[in-house]
C-alpha atoms as a PDB file:
ATOM      1  CA  PHE A   1      -4.297  -0.992  23.920  1.00  0.00           C
ATOM      2  CA  MET A   2      -1.872   1.665  22.777  1.00  0.00           C
ATOM      3  CA  HIS A   3      -2.394   5.265  23.685  1.00  0.00           C
ATOM      4  CA  PRO A   4      -3.110   7.388  20.563  1.00  0.00           C
ATOM      5  CA  THR A   5      -0.087   9.597  21.169  1.00  0.00           C
ATOM      6  CA  ILE A   6       2.130   6.523  20.890  1.00  0.00           C
ATOM      7  CA  TRP A   7       0.627   5.803  17.477  1.00  0.00           C
ATOM      8  CA  LYS A   8       1.066   9.398  16.406  1.00  0.00           C
ATOM      9  CA  ALA A   9       4.650   9.524  17.634  1.00  0.00           C
ATOM     10  CA  SER A  10       5.458   6.354  15.736  1.00  0.00           C
ATOM     11  CA  GLY A  11       4.231   7.879  12.495  1.00  0.00           C
ATOM     12  CA  HIS A  12       0.777   6.359  12.260  1.00  0.00           C
ATOM     13  CA  VAL A  13      -1.972   8.556  10.895  1.00  0.00           C
ATOM     14  CA  ASP A  14      -4.623  10.028  13.153  1.00  0.00           C
ATOM     15  CA  SER A  15      -7.356   7.935  11.575  1.00  0.00           C
ATOM     16  CA  PHE A  16      -7.332   4.194  12.064  1.00  0.00           C
ATOM     17  CA  SER A  17      -9.168   3.409   8.841  1.00  0.00           C
ATOM     18  CA  ASP A  18      -6.777   1.541   6.584  1.00  0.00           C
ATOM     19  CA  PRO A  19      -7.268   1.899   2.820  1.00  0.00           C
ATOM     20  CA  MET A  20      -8.579  -1.403   1.511  1.00  0.00           C
ATOM     21  CA  ILE A  21      -8.662  -2.740  -2.035  1.00  0.00           C
ATOM     22  CA  ASP A  22     -10.682  -5.660  -3.394  1.00  0.00           C
ATOM     23  CA  ASN A  23      -9.570  -8.142  -6.036  1.00  0.00           C
ATOM     24  CA  LYS A  24     -12.559  -8.860  -8.268  1.00  0.00           C
ATOM     25  CA  ASP A  25     -11.390 -12.391  -9.126  1.00  0.00           C
ATOM     26  CA  SER A  26     -10.492 -13.809  -5.708  1.00  0.00           C
ATOM     27  CA  LYS A  27     -13.067 -11.663  -3.864  1.00  0.00           C
ATOM     28  CA  LYS A  28     -10.341 -11.015  -1.300  1.00  0.00           C
ATOM     29  CA  ARG A  29      -9.777  -7.665   0.391  1.00  0.00           C
ATOM     30  CA  TYR A  30      -6.304  -6.343   1.129  1.00  0.00           C
ATOM     31  CA  ARG A  31      -4.775  -3.367   2.832  1.00  0.00           C
ATOM     32  CA  ALA A  32      -3.488  -1.227  -0.015  1.00  0.00           C
ATOM     33  CA  ASP A  33      -0.451  -0.078   1.957  1.00  0.00           C
ATOM     34  CA  THR A  34       0.572  -3.675   2.687  1.00  0.00           C
ATOM     35  CA  LEU A  35       0.444  -4.604  -1.004  1.00  0.00           C
ATOM     36  CA  ILE A  36       2.607  -1.609  -1.913  1.00  0.00           C
ATOM     37  CA  GLU A  37       5.039  -2.226   0.967  1.00  0.00           C
ATOM     38  CA  ASP A  38       5.429  -5.858  -0.159  1.00  0.00           C
ATOM     39  CA  LYS A  39       6.167  -4.663  -3.710  1.00  0.00           C
ATOM     40  CA  ALA A  40       8.729  -2.192  -2.352  1.00  0.00           C
ATOM     41  CA  ALA A  41      10.374  -5.021  -0.384  1.00  0.00           C
ATOM     42  CA  ALA A  42      10.592  -7.052  -3.606  1.00  0.00           C
ATOM     43  CA  TYR A  43      12.269  -4.121  -5.394  1.00  0.00           C
ATOM     44  CA  GLU A  44      14.679  -3.738  -2.483  1.00  0.00           C
ATOM     45  CA  ALA A  45      15.479  -7.463  -2.498  1.00  0.00           C
ATOM     46  CA  ALA A  46      16.212  -7.181  -6.228  1.00  0.00           C
ATOM     47  CA  GLY A  47      18.674  -4.369  -5.494  1.00  0.00           C
ATOM     48  CA  ASN A  48      16.459  -1.545  -6.741  1.00  0.00           C
ATOM     49  CA  LEU A  49      16.373   0.577  -3.604  1.00  0.00           C
ATOM     50  CA  ALA A  50      15.563   3.768  -5.523  1.00  0.00           C
ATOM     51  CA  LYS A  51      12.395   2.235  -6.986  1.00  0.00           C
ATOM     52  CA  ALA A  52      11.401   0.837  -3.574  1.00  0.00           C
ATOM     53  CA  ASN A  53      11.816   4.242  -1.949  1.00  0.00           C
ATOM     54  CA  GLN A  54       9.946   5.952  -4.786  1.00  0.00           C
ATOM     55  CA  ILE A  55       6.783   3.855  -4.562  1.00  0.00           C
ATOM     56  CA  LEU A  56       6.752   4.152  -0.757  1.00  0.00           C
ATOM     57  CA  ALA A  57       7.137   7.933  -1.019  1.00  0.00           C
ATOM     58  CA  ASP A  58       4.339   8.065  -3.610  1.00  0.00           C
ATOM     59  CA  MET A  59       2.083   5.923  -1.427  1.00  0.00           C
ATOM     60  CA  ASN A  60       2.699   8.061   1.658  1.00  0.00           C
ATOM     61  CA  ARG A  61       2.055  11.258  -0.296  1.00  0.00           C
ATOM     62  CA  PHE A  62      -1.223   9.881  -1.711  1.00  0.00           C
ATOM     63  CA  LEU A  63      -2.396   8.589   1.681  1.00  0.00           C
ATOM     64  CA  GLU A  64      -1.603  11.885   3.409  1.00  0.00           C
ATOM     65  CA  ALA A  65      -3.617  13.676   0.725  1.00  0.00           C
ATOM     66  CA  GLY A  66      -6.473  11.204   1.121  1.00  0.00           C
ATOM     67  CA  ASP A  67      -6.185  10.370  -2.587  1.00  0.00           C
ATOM     68  CA  LEU A  68      -7.272   6.735  -2.555  1.00  0.00           C
ATOM     69  CA  LYS A  69      -7.772   6.697  -6.327  1.00  0.00           C
ATOM     70  CA  ALA A  70      -4.078   7.502  -6.753  1.00  0.00           C
ATOM     71  CA  VAL A  71      -3.195   4.684  -4.340  1.00  0.00           C
ATOM     72  CA  GLN A  72      -5.244   2.274  -6.465  1.00  0.00           C
ATOM     73  CA  GLU A  73      -3.580   3.576  -9.642  1.00  0.00           C
ATOM     74  CA  LEU A  74      -0.158   3.024  -8.050  1.00  0.00           C
ATOM     75  CA  ILE A  75      -1.088  -0.612  -7.361  1.00  0.00           C
ATOM     76  CA  VAL A  76      -2.328  -1.058 -10.940  1.00  0.00           C
ATOM     77  CA  ASN A  77       0.635   0.761 -12.525  1.00  0.00           C
ATOM     78  CA  GLU A  78       3.107  -1.331 -10.525  1.00  0.00           C
ATOM     79  CA  GLY A  79       1.401  -4.508 -11.729  1.00  0.00           C
ATOM     80  CA  ILE A  80       0.794  -5.650  -8.157  1.00  0.00           C
ATOM     81  CA  ALA A  81      -1.175  -8.885  -8.313  1.00  0.00           C
ATOM     82  CA  CYS A  82      -3.540 -10.469  -5.818  1.00  0.00           C
ATOM     83  CA  PRO A  83      -1.611 -13.064  -3.769  1.00  0.00           C
ATOM     84  CA  VAL A  84      -4.565 -15.475  -4.089  1.00  0.00           C
ATOM     85  CA  SER A  85      -5.785 -15.148  -7.686  1.00  0.00           C
ATOM     86  CA  GLY A  86      -2.589 -13.810  -9.224  1.00  0.00           C
ATOM     87  CA  THR A  87      -4.584 -11.250 -11.188  1.00  0.00           C
ATOM     88  CA  THR A  88      -4.476  -7.465 -11.224  1.00  0.00           C
ATOM     89  CA  ASN A  89      -8.249  -7.101 -11.507  1.00  0.00           C
ATOM     90  CA  TRP A  90      -8.761  -4.538  -8.721  1.00  0.00           C
END
């Protein structure tokens, strides 16, 4: 168990509810932030650090605003596919 102030100090949000997104084909549920972070890591690995930083900044801004629709749109616009089905049917 971690004390809440440790979470807050490390940059975690006050709420522990992680934004989830469902893929309609695989019926799998994913953490939206994990999908975006994985995409950012792929951009970084490809040498596109600016793009990686941009989508992470966008994601953080949307999450802080509580704009989950914008988070979903970011996933769709980035063409992030379900690791299981390979589709972008979110």
